[in-house]
Amino acid sequence: MLVFIGLGLNPKHLNLEAIEALKTIDKAYLDRYTSIIPGFSPENLRRHYKGELVIADRSMLEGRGIKRIVDEASKMNIAVIVPGDPFIATTHDAIRLEALIKGVEVRVVHNISVYSAAASATGLQAYRFGKTTTLVYPEAFKPYSTLETIYGNIGRNLHTLVLLDLKLEKDKAMTIPEAVEILLDLDEKRVLNQYLAIGAARIGSSEERLVADKLENLGKYNYPPPPHSIIIVAKPHPLELDALYYIDHLPRELYEEYKSKKEYP
């Protein structure tokens, strides 16, 4: 059997279903490259799981690693343990599908993901979010597709959750100030700064930090270490505007300005 276990967004999110599943596992792969869980270490699992624990990098869970894991899961109980919810990031879909094709039983233990927690934490309405996008470092190419997604969502009056690049194998994690600089450079239409935005750091952890402001100003605030994300806010519902002020610390002058606006932006 192959079990995918979501860890949630902080060490305390390990749920009862996950703990029960770990009791049946012969060998576990801990994904340490798709995201960061503040305060988490393998010792958080050791209280519930005493078997073989492999700290897995990208090469172990992709490419040739997929066949090895599926082969193992055909003979014993294997877990792939993932930050957040196992399949919100599509990284591990190939393992699940390969297992199903080979007739291996698959089980999924879900958990909290930033995908849903971003709306809950900020007070924005979940059904008003459009397509989520990831902003990558502009190294091999400039990520204009991220801007196309944001522009498309704005055109439909939908918020955009922008996930920020993680290259943990290189010990790099994009910060909100870095992302602001990249987004403003890519914004050839020069429209993004007309909209409010939220800088969100370590959502779901005790160090969570939420800041609402104009996009260009988000880089001026202090944040705890990554993971970070940014939300580009479409025209806010009056309740959402109140949430931006009371929950996300939108400066009062901006709150009053946008409250009195007849047009947005």
Protein backbone atom coordinates (compact mmCIF):
# COMPACT_ATOMS: atom_id res chain seq x y z
CA MET A 1 0.00 0.00 0.00
CA LEU A 2 1.09 3.58 -0.67
CA VAL A 3 -0.10 6.26 1.76
CA PHE A 4 0.27 10.00 1.13
CA ILE A 5 0.19 11.94 4.40
CA GLY A 6 -0.27 15.71 4.63
CA LEU A 7 1.56 17.48 7.46
CA GLY A 8 -0.36 20.76 7.36
CA LEU A 9 1.30 24.12 7.99
CA ASN A 10 2.82 23.67 11.43
CA PRO A 11 3.98 20.71 13.56
CA LYS A 12 0.73 20.67 15.56
CA HIS A 13 -1.32 20.01 12.41
CA LEU A 14 -0.33 16.34 12.32
CA ASN A 15 -3.82 14.87 12.70
CA LEU A 16 -5.23 11.72 14.28
CA GLU A 17 -5.77 10.02 10.93
CA ALA A 18 -2.11 10.59 10.06
CA ILE A 19 -0.93 9.25 13.41
CA GLU A 20 -3.06 6.11 12.96
CA ALA A 21 -1.74 5.64 9.42
CA LEU A 22 1.88 5.93 10.57
CA LYS A 23 1.37 2.92 12.87
CA THR A 24 0.93 0.73 9.78
CA ILE A 25 3.93 2.03 7.79
CA ASP A 26 7.09 0.02 7.10
CA LYS A 27 9.07 2.80 5.40
CA ALA A 28 8.42 6.54 5.00
CA TYR A 29 9.75 9.20 2.65
CA LEU A 30 9.65 12.72 4.08
CA ASP A 31 9.42 15.37 1.36
CA ARG A 32 11.74 18.21 2.35
CA TYR A 33 11.80 20.20 -0.91
CA THR A 34 8.29 21.28 -1.95
CA SER A 35 7.62 23.56 1.01
CA ILE A 36 8.70 24.69 4.48
CA ILE A 37 6.88 23.95 7.73
CA PRO A 38 8.04 26.43 10.37
CA GLY A 39 9.33 24.67 13.47
CA PHE A 40 9.07 21.18 11.98
CA SER A 41 11.79 18.58 12.25
CA PRO A 42 11.83 14.79 11.66
CA GLU A 43 11.67 14.41 15.43
CA ASN A 44 8.05 15.56 15.25
CA LEU A 45 7.35 12.26 13.47
CA ARG A 46 9.55 10.10 15.68
CA ARG A 47 7.01 10.30 18.49
CA HIS A 48 4.55 8.43 16.28
CA TYR A 49 6.70 6.50 13.81
CA LYS A 50 9.71 4.32 14.63
CA GLY A 51 10.36 2.75 11.22
CA GLU A 52 12.77 3.71 8.46
CA LEU A 53 12.51 7.42 7.63
CA VAL A 54 14.13 8.70 4.43
CA ILE A 55 14.67 12.45 4.12
CA ALA A 56 13.76 12.79 0.45
CA ASP A 57 15.06 15.32 -2.02
CA ARG A 58 13.58 15.89 -5.49
CA SER A 59 15.54 13.06 -7.13
CA MET A 60 14.08 10.49 -4.73
CA LEU A 61 10.43 11.38 -5.45
CA GLU A 62 10.59 12.20 -9.15
CA GLY A 63 11.91 10.51 -12.30
CA ARG A 64 13.41 7.10 -11.58
CA GLY A 65 12.50 7.45 -7.92
CA ILE A 66 8.83 6.97 -8.77
CA LYS A 67 9.34 3.37 -9.98
CA ARG A 68 11.37 2.49 -6.88
CA ILE A 69 8.69 3.78 -4.52
CA VAL A 70 5.87 2.03 -6.37
CA ASP A 71 7.84 -1.23 -6.45
CA GLU A 72 8.37 -0.97 -2.70
CA ALA A 73 4.68 -0.17 -2.13
CA SER A 74 3.71 -3.35 -3.99
CA LYS A 75 5.50 -5.36 -1.29
CA MET A 76 5.06 -3.34 1.91
CA ASN A 77 3.38 -0.25 3.33
CA ILE A 78 5.10 2.93 2.14
CA ALA A 79 4.30 6.53 3.14
CA VAL A 80 5.13 9.73 1.29
CA ILE A 81 4.85 12.51 3.87
CA VAL A 82 4.28 15.96 2.41
CA PRO A 83 3.93 19.54 3.78
CA GLY A 84 0.43 20.96 3.55
CA ASP A 85 -2.08 18.77 1.71
CA PRO A 86 -0.43 16.05 -0.41
CA PHE A 87 -1.77 16.98 -3.85
CA ILE A 88 -2.35 20.73 -3.77
CA ALA A 89 1.13 20.97 -5.24
CA THR A 90 0.97 18.59 -8.19
CA THR A 91 4.52 17.33 -7.64
CA HIS A 92 3.49 13.89 -6.41
CA ASP A 93 0.62 13.15 -8.80
CA ALA A 94 2.92 11.01 -10.95
CA ILE A 95 3.67 8.68 -8.02
CA ARG A 96 -0.02 8.21 -7.22
CA LEU A 97 -0.96 7.54 -10.83
CA GLU A 98 1.92 5.11 -11.37
CA ALA A 99 0.83 3.20 -8.26
CA LEU A 100 -2.78 3.00 -9.44
CA ILE A 101 -1.70 1.88 -12.91
CA LYS A 102 0.38 -0.90 -11.30
CA GLY A 103 -2.54 -1.98 -9.11
CA VAL A 104 -1.05 -0.73 -5.83
CA GLU A 105 -3.58 0.41 -3.23
CA VAL A 106 -3.35 4.16 -2.56
CA ARG A 107 -4.62 6.08 0.45
CA VAL A 108 -4.53 9.85 1.05
CA VAL A 109 -4.53 11.58 4.44
CA HIS A 110 -5.48 15.20 3.83
CA ASN A 111 -4.46 18.26 5.83
CA ILE A 112 -4.46 22.06 5.78
CA SER A 113 -2.89 23.79 2.78
CA VAL A 114 -1.96 27.42 2.20
CA TYR A 115 -4.31 27.14 -0.78
CA SER A 116 -7.32 27.36 1.54
CA ALA A 117 -5.68 28.83 4.64
CA ALA A 118 -4.78 32.03 2.73
CA ALA A 119 -8.46 32.97 2.47
CA SER A 120 -9.25 31.92 6.05
CA ALA A 121 -6.29 33.79 7.50
CA THR A 122 -6.74 37.06 5.59
CA GLY A 123 -10.53 37.34 5.78
CA LEU A 124 -10.95 37.43 2.02
CA GLN A 125 -13.81 35.38 0.61
CA ALA A 126 -12.61 32.03 -0.73
CA TYR A 127 -15.00 31.96 -3.69
CA ARG A 128 -13.56 35.27 -4.92
CA PHE A 129 -10.13 33.79 -5.62
CA GLY A 130 -9.22 33.09 -9.23
CA LYS A 131 -6.44 30.90 -10.58
CA THR A 132 -3.46 30.50 -8.26
CA THR A 133 -0.01 31.11 -9.70
CA THR A 134 3.62 30.68 -8.67
CA LEU A 135 6.25 33.38 -9.09
CA VAL A 136 9.63 31.80 -9.87
CA TYR A 137 13.03 33.43 -9.87
CA PRO A 138 13.67 35.11 -13.26
CA GLU A 139 16.83 33.15 -13.98
CA ALA A 140 16.44 31.15 -17.20
CA PHE A 141 13.42 33.24 -18.28
CA LYS A 142 11.15 36.01 -17.03
CA PRO A 143 7.92 34.52 -15.61
CA TYR A 144 5.45 36.60 -17.61
CA SER A 145 2.87 33.81 -17.28
CA THR A 146 2.47 34.84 -13.64
CA LEU A 147 1.48 38.34 -14.73
CA GLU A 148 -0.91 36.94 -17.34
CA THR A 149 -2.67 34.99 -14.60
CA ILE A 150 -2.90 38.07 -12.37
CA TYR A 151 -4.17 40.25 -15.22
CA GLY A 152 -6.75 37.60 -16.12
CA ASN A 153 -8.01 37.37 -12.55
CA ILE A 154 -8.17 41.15 -12.23
CA GLY A 155 -10.23 41.26 -15.41
CA ARG A 156 -12.75 38.94 -13.75
CA ASN A 157 -12.60 40.85 -10.45
CA LEU A 158 -10.97 37.92 -8.66
CA HIS A 159 -8.17 37.84 -6.09
CA THR A 160 -4.87 36.12 -6.97
CA LEU A 161 -2.86 33.96 -4.58
CA VAL A 162 0.77 34.20 -5.71
CA LEU A 163 2.95 31.44 -4.27
CA LEU A 164 6.65 32.29 -4.10
CA ASP A 165 9.46 30.16 -5.46
CA LEU A 166 11.27 27.66 -3.25
CA LYS A 167 14.58 26.15 -4.29
CA LEU A 168 15.33 24.40 -1.04
CA GLU A 169 17.96 22.16 -2.63
CA LYS A 170 19.89 25.42 -3.22
CA ASP A 171 18.87 26.84 0.17
CA LYS A 172 16.84 29.58 -1.54
CA ALA A 173 13.32 30.72 -0.71
CA MET A 174 11.80 33.82 -2.29
CA THR A 175 10.78 36.54 0.15
CA ILE A 176 7.99 39.09 -0.15
CA PRO A 177 10.43 41.99 -0.81
CA GLU A 178 12.09 39.97 -3.59
CA ALA A 179 8.71 39.10 -5.08
CA VAL A 180 7.54 42.72 -5.03
CA GLU A 181 10.62 43.78 -6.97
CA ILE A 182 10.13 41.02 -9.55
CA LEU A 183 6.40 41.65 -9.98
CA LEU A 184 6.82 45.40 -10.46
CA ASP A 185 9.57 44.77 -13.00
CA LEU A 186 7.35 42.35 -14.95
CA ASP A 187 4.29 44.62 -14.76
CA GLU A 188 4.65 46.24 -18.18
CA LYS A 189 1.09 47.56 -18.02
CA ARG A 190 1.94 49.38 -14.78
CA VAL A 191 -1.38 48.46 -13.21
CA LEU A 192 -0.53 46.25 -10.24
CA ASN A 193 0.22 49.04 -7.84
CA GLN A 194 -3.28 50.41 -8.36
CA TYR A 195 -4.54 47.39 -6.42
CA LEU A 196 -4.18 46.50 -2.78
CA ALA A 197 -2.08 43.46 -1.97
CA ILE A 198 -1.35 41.31 1.07
CA GLY A 199 2.04 40.03 2.12
CA ALA A 200 1.52 36.72 3.93
CA ALA A 201 4.36 35.06 5.83
CA ARG A 202 4.24 31.69 7.57
CA ILE A 203 0.46 31.30 7.32
CA GLY A 204 -0.88 28.80 9.83
CA SER A 205 2.09 29.06 12.20
CA SER A 206 2.57 30.93 15.48
CA GLU A 207 4.77 33.39 13.55
CA GLU A 208 2.10 34.26 10.97
CA ARG A 209 2.43 37.82 9.66
CA LEU A 210 -0.13 39.50 7.41
CA VAL A 211 0.35 42.96 5.90
CA ALA A 212 -2.03 44.76 3.52
CA ASP A 213 -0.84 47.79 1.55
CA LYS A 214 -0.06 48.93 -1.96
CA LEU A 215 2.13 46.32 -3.65
CA GLU A 216 5.22 48.56 -3.82
CA ASN A 217 5.03 49.12 -0.05
CA LEU A 218 4.90 45.46 0.98
CA GLY A 219 8.66 45.14 0.67
CA LYS A 220 9.20 47.75 3.39
CA TYR A 221 7.79 45.63 6.22
CA ASN A 222 9.59 43.08 8.38
CA TYR A 223 8.56 39.45 8.03
CA PRO A 224 9.56 36.18 9.65
CA PRO A 225 11.46 33.77 7.36
CA PRO A 226 9.67 31.99 4.45
CA PRO A 227 7.43 30.46 3.30
CA HIS A 228 5.96 33.70 1.96
CA SER A 229 3.16 34.46 -0.47
CA ILE A 230 1.40 37.53 -1.88
CA ILE A 231 -2.27 38.09 -2.61
CA ILE A 232 -3.28 40.63 -5.25
CA VAL A 233 -6.66 41.92 -4.09
CA ALA A 234 -9.45 42.54 -6.60
CA LYS A 235 -12.25 44.99 -5.76
CA PRO A 236 -12.98 44.10 -2.13
CA HIS A 237 -16.45 43.47 -0.82
CA PRO A 238 -17.14 45.92 2.08
CA LEU A 239 -16.63 43.08 4.56
CA GLU A 240 -13.34 42.19 2.88
CA LEU A 241 -12.20 45.81 3.11
CA ASP A 242 -12.93 45.72 6.84
CA ALA A 243 -10.93 42.48 7.06
CA LEU A 244 -8.00 44.12 5.26
CA TYR A 245 -7.98 46.78 7.97
CA TYR A 246 -8.78 44.79 11.11
CA ILE A 247 -7.06 41.51 10.23
CA ASP A 248 -4.38 42.38 7.67
CA HIS A 249 -3.34 45.74 9.14
CA LEU A 250 -4.10 47.92 6.12
CA PRO A 251 -2.96 51.48 6.96
CA ARG A 252 -5.90 53.57 8.13
CA GLU A 253 -5.45 56.23 5.46
CA LEU A 254 -5.70 53.58 2.73
CA TYR A 255 -8.70 52.00 4.46
CA GLU A 256 -10.52 55.33 4.48
CA GLU A 257 -9.45 56.10 0.90
CA TYR A 258 -10.69 52.79 -0.52
CA LYS A 259 -13.82 52.88 1.61
CA SER A 260 -14.84 56.13 -0.05
CA LYS A 261 -13.84 55.10 -3.60
CA LYS A 262 -16.65 54.89 -6.13
CA GLU A 263 -14.35 53.09 -8.55
CA TYR A 264 -11.73 50.42 -7.82
CA PRO A 265 -8.89 50.73 -8.36
